[in-house]
Amino acid sequence: MKVMTSENSPDGRFCVDIFQRADGTWGFEQYRRDVEDGFWFPVSRYSALVFPDAVTARARAVAEIDWFS
């Protein structure tokens, strides 16, 4: 998997990665930063969704995640 874009929420607590899998399909995931240690953790199961291209993956991320636009 190769992350193509990663965008943080305005408060910096969350981010969304848009990625391409080795098989050419695309996906996205939302992560939360743990304040105590600074690590990112997935907070949803969006990464299991499969899209044919980055545009479609991003459009679905915008539709699913309130802060992401």
Protein backbone atom coordinates (compact mmCIF):
# COMPACT_ATOMS: atom_id res chain seq x y z
CA MET A 1 0.00 0.00 0.00
CA LYS A 2 1.24 3.46 -0.91
CA VAL A 3 -0.24 6.55 0.73
CA MET A 4 -0.84 9.15 -1.98
CA THR A 5 -2.26 11.95 0.22
CA SER A 6 -2.61 12.51 3.94
CA GLU A 7 -4.67 15.43 5.26
CA ASN A 8 -5.03 16.53 8.88
CA SER A 9 -8.16 17.85 10.55
CA PRO A 10 -8.09 21.55 11.51
CA ASP A 11 -7.30 20.67 15.14
CA GLY A 12 -4.60 18.15 14.15
CA ARG A 13 -6.20 15.30 16.08
CA PHE A 14 -7.32 13.31 13.02
CA CYS A 15 -6.06 12.61 9.52
CA VAL A 16 -7.32 10.87 6.41
CA ASP A 17 -4.99 8.90 4.16
CA ILE A 18 -5.92 8.16 0.54
CA PHE A 19 -3.90 5.16 -0.61
CA GLN A 20 -3.32 2.84 -3.54
CA ARG A 21 -2.98 -0.90 -3.03
CA ALA A 22 -0.50 -3.12 -4.86
CA ASP A 23 -3.35 -4.45 -7.04
CA GLY A 24 -4.11 -0.92 -8.31
CA THR A 25 -7.29 -0.38 -6.28
CA TRP A 26 -7.73 2.61 -3.98
CA GLY A 27 -8.96 3.18 -0.45
CA PHE A 28 -8.92 5.55 2.49
CA GLU A 29 -8.69 5.45 6.27
CA GLN A 30 -9.21 7.91 9.11
CA TYR A 31 -6.69 8.01 11.97
CA ARG A 32 -6.58 9.66 15.39
CA ARG A 33 -3.39 10.91 17.02
CA ASP A 34 -2.84 9.67 20.57
CA VAL A 35 -1.90 12.82 22.51
CA GLU A 36 0.11 10.89 25.10
CA ASP A 37 2.59 9.33 22.69
CA GLY A 38 1.94 11.02 19.34
CA PHE A 39 1.14 7.81 17.43
CA TRP A 40 -1.65 7.53 14.86
CA PHE A 41 -4.34 4.86 15.25
CA PRO A 42 -7.12 3.89 12.81
CA VAL A 43 -10.54 4.88 14.15
CA SER A 44 -12.75 3.35 11.50
CA ARG A 45 -12.79 0.44 9.11
CA TYR A 46 -12.89 2.37 5.87
CA SER A 47 -9.66 0.77 4.65
CA ALA A 48 -11.61 -2.38 3.70
CA LEU A 49 -13.59 -0.42 1.08
CA VAL A 50 -12.29 -0.74 -2.50
CA PHE A 51 -12.46 1.99 -5.16
CA PRO A 52 -11.31 2.07 -8.79
CA ASP A 53 -9.49 5.41 -8.50
CA ALA A 54 -8.34 8.15 -6.11
CA VAL A 55 -11.14 10.53 -7.07
CA THR A 56 -13.83 8.03 -6.09
CA ALA A 57 -12.04 7.11 -2.85
CA ARG A 58 -11.72 10.78 -1.87
CA ALA A 59 -15.38 11.50 -2.71
CA ARG A 60 -16.49 8.67 -0.42
CA ALA A 61 -14.16 9.90 2.35
CA VAL A 62 -15.71 13.38 2.07
CA ALA A 63 -19.18 11.83 2.30
CA GLU A 64 -18.32 9.67 5.33
CA ILE A 65 -16.10 11.93 7.48
CA ASP A 66 -17.65 15.15 8.75
CA TRP A 67 -14.50 17.28 9.04
CA PHE A 68 -12.94 16.08 5.77
CA SER A 69 -13.70 18.16 2.71
